[in-house]
Protein backbone atom coordinates (compact mmCIF):
# COMPACT_ATOMS: atom_id res chain seq x y z
CA MET A 1 158.62 -14.05 32.06
CA VAL A 2 157.35 -12.18 29.45
CA SER A 3 153.83 -13.16 28.85
CA GLU A 4 151.69 -13.46 25.97
CA ASN A 5 150.08 -9.91 27.08
CA ASN A 6 153.55 -7.92 27.57
CA PHE A 7 153.84 -8.57 31.22
CA LEU A 8 156.53 -9.56 33.12
CA GLY A 9 156.96 -10.68 36.24
CA PHE A 10 159.23 -11.83 39.44
CA LEU A 11 158.16 -13.85 42.23
CA GLY A 12 160.17 -12.94 45.14
CA LEU A 13 159.01 -15.04 48.76
CA ILE A 14 155.18 -15.60 48.99
CA LYS A 15 154.35 -13.33 51.49
CA GLY A 16 151.46 -10.86 51.40
CA GLY A 17 150.70 -9.52 47.76
CA GLY A 18 148.94 -5.80 47.12
CA LYS A 19 145.67 -5.21 45.30
CA ILE A 20 146.79 -5.28 42.12
CA LEU A 21 147.92 -9.01 42.39
CA MET A 22 144.80 -10.82 44.47
CA ASP A 23 143.78 -12.32 41.36
CA PHE A 24 146.96 -13.52 38.98
CA ASN A 25 148.48 -16.86 37.66
CA ARG A 26 151.15 -17.61 39.66
CA ALA A 27 152.59 -19.51 37.06
CA LEU A 28 153.58 -16.54 34.95
CA PHE A 29 156.03 -15.57 37.36
CA THR A 30 159.72 -16.05 37.87
CA LYS A 31 161.23 -17.19 41.17
CA VAL A 32 163.63 -15.07 42.41
CA ASP A 33 166.09 -14.80 45.56
CA ILE A 34 165.65 -11.43 46.85
CA THR A 35 168.10 -11.31 48.44
CA ALA A 36 170.76 -11.96 46.02
CA ILE A 37 169.02 -9.76 42.75
CA THR A 38 170.01 -6.61 42.30
CA GLU A 39 169.29 -5.81 38.52
CA ILE A 40 166.38 -6.92 36.22
CA PRO A 41 167.56 -7.11 32.45
CA LEU A 42 164.38 -5.35 30.38
CA GLN A 43 165.97 -4.22 26.84
CA ASN A 44 162.61 -2.22 26.20
CA LYS A 45 161.12 1.42 24.94
CA LYS A 46 158.41 1.76 27.58
CA ILE A 47 157.85 -0.28 31.03
CA LYS A 48 155.45 0.44 33.51
CA ILE A 49 155.84 -0.80 36.70
CA LEU A 50 152.77 -1.88 37.95
CA SER A 51 153.06 -3.34 41.72
CA ASN A 52 154.02 -1.31 44.44
CA HIS A 53 157.79 -0.19 45.33
CA PRO A 54 159.19 2.90 46.91
CA THR A 55 161.00 4.91 43.66
CA SER A 56 163.26 5.55 46.02
CA SER A 57 164.43 2.29 45.96
CA TYR A 58 165.16 1.47 42.53
CA LYS A 59 166.52 3.34 39.65
CA LEU A 60 166.71 2.56 35.56
CA SER A 61 169.17 1.79 33.55
CA MET A 62 168.74 3.65 30.45
CA ASP A 63 170.81 3.46 26.47
CA GLY A 64 169.20 6.23 24.70
CA LYS A 65 166.00 5.95 24.82
CA ILE A 66 165.56 1.87 25.79
CA VAL A 67 165.36 1.23 29.16
CA LYS A 68 168.19 -1.57 29.86
CA ALA A 69 167.02 -2.67 33.37
CA ILE A 70 165.90 -1.79 36.61
CA VAL A 71 168.45 -1.39 39.61
CA ILE A 72 167.51 -2.31 42.86
CA THR A 73 169.55 0.35 44.92
CA ASP A 74 167.74 -0.43 48.00
CA MET A 75 166.49 -4.33 48.49
CA LYS A 76 164.77 -4.16 52.09
CA ALA A 77 162.93 -1.11 50.72
CA PHE A 78 162.30 -2.20 47.18
CA TRP A 79 160.65 -5.71 48.58
CA SER A 80 158.46 -4.16 51.71
CA ASN A 81 155.35 -3.58 49.98
CA THR A 82 154.73 -6.88 47.93
CA LYS A 83 156.84 -9.70 47.06
CA TYR A 84 155.93 -9.69 43.34
CA LEU A 85 157.17 -7.12 40.45
CA VAL A 86 155.13 -6.45 37.74
CA VAL A 87 156.29 -4.58 34.58
CA GLN A 88 153.57 -3.69 31.72
CA LEU A 89 156.24 -3.62 28.96
CA ASP A 90 155.23 -1.53 25.57
């Protein structure tokens, strides 16, 4: 779900979280099954992943200068630090 502030949020299992997500509106997040989702479509020129996910656990799928999607290559590692994914879209 994209908010009016150009943030994209996904909520996995509700456990823990990082400092960046201490005060936020959970209604802005889309619930997903973290054991099944392997790709998050974006179609945006610039993105910034604000939540804490190991860079070795995902890659960006590109089409020229457009970020097509975040491709999760290691689900366990990707969701190990936080069950929230916050992406800033520019």
